[in-house]
Protein backbone atom coordinates (compact mmCIF):
# COMPACT_ATOMS: atom_id res chain seq x y z
CA UNK A 1 -33.71 26.67 3.48
CA UNK A 2 -31.51 28.19 1.21
CA UNK A 3 -27.94 26.99 0.61
CA UNK A 4 -26.43 30.48 1.88
CA UNK A 5 -28.66 30.34 4.95
CA UNK A 6 -27.54 26.82 5.76
CA UNK A 7 -23.93 28.03 5.33
CA UNK A 8 -23.92 30.80 7.50
CA UNK A 9 -21.81 30.51 10.55
CA UNK A 10 -22.89 29.84 13.92
CA UNK A 11 -22.66 33.21 15.76
CA UNK A 12 -21.46 32.98 19.37
CA UNK A 13 -20.96 35.23 22.27
CA UNK A 14 -17.07 36.32 22.91
CA UNK A 15 -16.16 34.35 25.88
CA UNK A 16 -14.19 37.27 27.67
CA UNK A 17 -16.96 39.57 27.29
CA UNK A 18 -17.10 42.43 29.73
CA UNK A 19 -14.20 40.84 31.71
CA UNK A 20 -11.25 42.49 32.82
CA UNK A 21 -7.63 40.65 31.78
CA UNK A 22 -4.35 42.02 33.40
CA UNK A 23 -1.04 41.02 31.55
CA UNK A 24 1.88 41.38 33.39
CA UNK A 25 4.59 41.48 30.42
CA UNK A 26 1.97 42.54 28.00
CA UNK A 27 4.11 44.56 25.60
CA UNK A 28 5.34 41.74 23.23
CA UNK A 29 5.57 38.13 22.55
CA UNK A 30 3.23 35.96 24.29
CA UNK A 31 1.91 38.51 26.72
CA UNK A 32 0.88 40.73 23.85
CA UNK A 33 -0.62 37.67 21.80
CA UNK A 34 -2.35 36.95 24.97
CA UNK A 35 -3.76 40.36 25.31
CA UNK A 36 -4.80 40.47 21.62
CA UNK A 37 -6.53 37.01 22.04
CA UNK A 38 -8.38 38.31 25.05
CA UNK A 39 -9.47 41.58 23.32
CA UNK A 40 -10.73 39.65 20.32
CA UNK A 41 -12.98 37.64 23.11
CA UNK A 42 -14.23 41.14 24.38
CA UNK A 43 -11.94 41.59 27.43
CA UNK A 44 -10.99 45.21 28.63
CA UNK A 45 -7.42 45.00 29.05
CA UNK A 46 -4.75 46.39 31.54
CA UNK A 47 -1.10 45.99 30.15
CA UNK A 48 2.15 46.02 32.17
CA UNK A 49 5.88 45.91 30.59
CA UNK A 50 9.30 47.53 31.72
CA UNK A 51 9.42 49.37 28.77
CA UNK A 52 7.20 52.33 28.42
CA UNK A 53 7.27 53.20 24.35
CA UNK A 54 6.62 49.51 23.53
CA UNK A 55 4.00 49.11 26.17
CA UNK A 56 2.32 52.27 24.58
CA UNK A 57 2.23 50.89 21.19
CA UNK A 58 0.50 47.74 22.30
CA UNK A 59 -2.08 49.41 24.35
CA UNK A 60 -2.75 51.55 21.33
CA UNK A 61 -2.96 48.70 18.90
CA UNK A 62 -5.29 46.74 21.25
CA UNK A 63 -7.23 49.21 22.88
CA UNK A 64 -6.09 48.50 26.43
CA UNK A 65 -7.82 50.24 29.24
CA UNK A 66 -4.72 51.45 30.77
CA UNK A 67 -0.73 50.58 30.99
CA UNK A 68 1.52 51.00 33.46
CA UNK A 69 5.39 50.54 33.05
CA UNK A 70 7.11 48.85 35.91
CA UNK A 71 9.60 46.48 37.01
CA UNK A 72 7.35 43.39 38.43
CA UNK A 73 9.82 41.95 40.58
CA UNK A 74 10.33 45.31 42.59
CA UNK A 75 8.26 44.88 45.47
CA UNK A 76 7.42 48.23 46.21
CA UNK A 77 6.01 48.99 42.40
CA UNK A 78 4.16 45.74 42.36
CA UNK A 79 2.40 46.72 45.44
CA UNK A 80 1.62 50.06 43.75
CA UNK A 81 0.44 48.64 40.56
CA UNK A 82 -1.92 46.32 42.63
CA UNK A 83 -3.47 49.27 44.83
CA UNK A 84 -3.97 50.95 41.22
CA UNK A 85 -6.02 48.41 39.92
CA UNK A 86 -9.80 48.13 40.04
CA UNK A 87 -11.55 46.60 42.79
CA UNK A 88 -12.42 42.99 40.88
CA UNK A 89 -10.83 41.90 38.04
CA UNK A 90 -11.23 38.69 36.02
CA UNK A 91 -7.97 37.50 34.90
CA UNK A 92 -4.20 38.18 35.38
CA UNK A 93 -1.29 36.60 33.31
CA UNK A 94 2.11 36.95 34.34
CA UNK A 95 4.52 36.47 31.41
CA UNK A 96 7.94 38.24 33.02
CA UNK A 97 11.17 36.52 32.98
CA UNK A 98 13.45 34.80 30.90
CA UNK A 99 15.60 31.44 31.97
CA UNK A 100 19.00 31.69 33.39
CA UNK A 101 21.34 28.87 32.30
CA UNK A 102 24.91 28.80 34.28
CA UNK A 103 27.67 26.33 35.15
CA UNK A 104 27.51 24.99 38.43
CA UNK A 105 31.22 25.97 39.04
CA UNK A 106 30.54 29.73 38.10
CA UNK A 107 27.17 31.10 38.33
CA UNK A 108 26.31 34.75 38.68
CA UNK A 109 24.63 34.99 42.14
CA UNK A 110 22.78 38.28 41.29
CA UNK A 111 21.39 36.94 38.11
CA UNK A 112 20.36 33.71 40.09
CA UNK A 113 18.56 35.42 42.38
CA UNK A 114 17.03 37.67 40.04
CA UNK A 115 15.84 34.64 38.09
CA UNK A 116 14.51 33.25 41.25
CA UNK A 117 12.77 36.60 41.69
CA UNK A 118 11.15 36.30 38.17
CA UNK A 119 9.57 33.25 38.69
CA UNK A 120 9.08 31.63 41.82
CA UNK A 121 8.74 34.72 44.29
CA UNK A 122 7.17 36.65 41.57
CA UNK A 123 4.30 33.98 41.55
CA UNK A 124 4.06 34.19 45.15
CA UNK A 125 4.04 38.02 45.24
CA UNK A 126 1.35 38.18 42.68
CA UNK A 127 -0.93 35.39 44.63
CA UNK A 128 -0.54 37.24 47.60
CA UNK A 129 -1.78 40.59 45.68
CA UNK A 130 -4.50 38.91 44.10
CA UNK A 131 -6.19 37.76 47.47
CA UNK A 132 -9.59 39.72 47.13
CA UNK A 133 -8.78 41.64 44.05
CA UNK A 134 -9.35 38.39 41.30
CA UNK A 135 -13.07 37.50 41.69
CA UNK A 136 -14.00 33.81 42.99
CA UNK A 137 -13.72 31.76 39.66
CA UNK A 138 -11.12 34.29 37.83
CA UNK A 139 -7.74 32.67 36.97
CA UNK A 140 -3.95 33.47 37.85
CA UNK A 141 -2.21 32.07 34.85
CA UNK A 142 1.63 31.84 35.05
CA UNK A 143 4.32 31.07 32.38
CA UNK A 144 6.77 28.53 32.75
CA UNK A 145 9.17 25.99 30.65
CA UNK A 146 9.94 22.54 30.14
CA UNK A 147 13.62 23.07 28.92
CA UNK A 148 14.82 22.55 32.69
CA UNK A 149 13.45 19.17 33.07
CA UNK A 150 16.25 18.02 30.89
CA UNK A 151 19.59 16.92 32.43
CA UNK A 152 22.75 18.35 31.61
CA UNK A 153 25.74 20.96 32.44
CA UNK A 154 24.39 24.65 33.10
CA UNK A 155 20.88 23.37 33.88
CA UNK A 156 20.92 22.69 37.40
CA UNK A 157 19.59 26.22 38.65
CA UNK A 158 16.92 26.64 35.70
CA UNK A 159 15.83 22.52 36.56
CA UNK A 160 15.37 23.81 40.16
CA UNK A 161 13.17 26.32 39.46
CA UNK A 162 11.46 24.67 36.73
CA UNK A 163 10.54 21.51 39.45
CA UNK A 164 9.45 23.97 41.93
CA UNK A 165 6.77 25.83 40.00
CA UNK A 166 4.15 23.20 39.27
CA UNK A 167 4.33 22.38 43.27
CA UNK A 168 4.02 26.15 43.80
CA UNK A 169 1.04 26.40 41.43
CA UNK A 170 -0.98 23.41 42.75
CA UNK A 171 -0.97 24.52 46.31
CA UNK A 172 -1.61 28.19 45.35
CA UNK A 173 -4.72 26.65 43.72
CA UNK A 174 -5.69 25.25 47.04
CA UNK A 175 -5.08 28.50 48.90
CA UNK A 176 -6.69 31.04 46.81
CA UNK A 177 -9.59 28.84 45.52
CA UNK A 178 -12.12 29.64 44.59
CA UNK A 179 -9.85 31.87 42.49
CA UNK A 180 -8.17 29.04 39.98
CA UNK A 181 -4.39 29.33 39.40
CA UNK A 182 -2.63 27.16 36.46
CA UNK A 183 0.64 27.01 35.07
CA UNK A 184 1.78 27.03 30.97
CA UNK A 185 5.06 24.95 30.47
CA UNK A 186 6.09 25.90 26.85
CA UNK A 187 8.97 24.70 25.28
CA UNK A 188 11.13 26.67 22.62
CA UNK A 189 8.75 29.65 21.20
CA UNK A 190 9.48 32.03 18.44
CA UNK A 191 9.42 35.17 20.23
CA UNK A 192 11.67 38.53 20.58
CA UNK A 193 13.15 36.91 23.66
CA UNK A 194 13.93 33.78 22.06
CA UNK A 195 15.57 35.85 19.04
CA UNK A 196 17.68 38.06 21.86
CA UNK A 197 18.75 34.87 23.33
CA UNK A 198 20.00 32.81 20.32
CA UNK A 199 21.40 35.77 18.25
CA UNK A 200 22.56 34.58 14.74
CA UNK A 201 21.67 30.91 15.81
CA UNK A 202 17.81 31.41 15.61
CA UNK A 203 17.62 30.70 12.17
CA UNK A 204 19.00 27.33 12.69
CA UNK A 205 17.18 26.59 15.77
CA UNK A 206 13.92 27.29 14.11
CA UNK A 207 14.93 24.93 11.12
CA UNK A 208 16.00 22.24 13.51
CA UNK A 209 12.65 22.27 15.15
CA UNK A 210 10.65 22.25 12.20
CA UNK A 211 12.69 19.29 11.04
CA UNK A 212 12.26 17.29 14.14
CA UNK A 213 9.01 18.24 16.00
CA UNK A 214 6.27 16.04 15.63
CA UNK A 215 3.98 19.00 14.40
CA UNK A 216 6.74 20.26 12.05
CA UNK A 217 6.27 23.56 12.76
CA UNK A 218 7.81 26.05 15.24
CA UNK A 219 5.54 26.84 18.24
CA UNK A 220 4.26 30.43 18.30
CA UNK A 221 2.99 32.99 20.67
CA UNK A 222 -0.52 32.69 19.27
CA UNK A 223 -0.45 29.12 20.30
CA UNK A 224 0.30 29.93 24.06
CA UNK A 225 -2.09 32.76 23.79
CA UNK A 226 -5.02 30.40 22.86
CA UNK A 227 -4.05 28.08 25.32
CA UNK A 228 -4.14 30.75 28.04
CA UNK A 229 -7.39 32.31 26.81
CA UNK A 230 -8.73 28.71 27.09
CA UNK A 231 -7.61 28.51 30.84
CA UNK A 232 -9.28 31.61 31.55
CA UNK A 233 -12.56 30.58 30.22
CA UNK A 234 -12.61 26.92 30.77
CA UNK A 235 -13.88 27.04 35.11
CA UNK A 236 -13.01 23.79 35.41
CA UNK A 237 -9.38 23.99 35.26
CA UNK A 238 -7.25 24.95 38.10
CA UNK A 239 -4.00 23.73 39.75
CA UNK A 240 -2.39 21.83 36.73
CA UNK A 241 0.88 22.54 34.70
CA UNK A 242 -0.20 22.40 30.80
CA UNK A 243 3.13 21.77 28.34
CA UNK A 244 2.85 22.92 25.11
CA UNK A 245 6.19 22.50 23.25
CA UNK A 246 4.64 20.94 20.09
CA UNK A 247 6.12 17.51 21.13
CA UNK A 248 9.57 18.64 21.84
CA UNK A 249 10.33 16.71 24.94
CA UNK A 250 9.29 13.58 22.78
CA UNK A 251 12.21 13.71 20.49
CA UNK A 252 15.79 13.75 21.25
């Protein structure tokens, strides 16, 4: 056997070949990178987002089957979206929503309700629509966070939502079985959303995390995407919450 033959890489079958992956919030950040990784594994993509132009750019780059621009927290729009899906899809990931931090003395009730809709209620609504649409053994993957596990001023509302999501996901895994349901709980991830939230403090936050995290780097959307696709392909995983924060919870 020649050295060249011995060194040749092992060929493997793409893990999502021929499967349909739907990403709600797939036009940027974590959703976009998850869609990119799923496409590399042979998946057919259906992408949604609120921004039509950004969604079209993502679809063109990733060769998505189709795109739908809508607000996933709008019940009528969500219902119409699911009615337009193929009879069977394999995996669905939801990345919509952002955290809402507010002092208890003066919360914006409208924003608080919207934040609840973007996380807890959206997960319930998606699960309801997934019945009979996601194939047995397929997956629902939701995004949550770890920041609300801290205690402090301004964290009461986000802490309640953070605590609710793992309990909801565990129960949905039982109610939707054999469809699998999992939650990714991320710390800081270097996304356009993080940039919009931090503004001119973004680079300071990056440097702080590089200095303090055990992994000595900032968590990127590609890190989350790798975990999300693993949850789709590993058929033993359901009902669990998977932290991915580079060890952020381990340091002060």
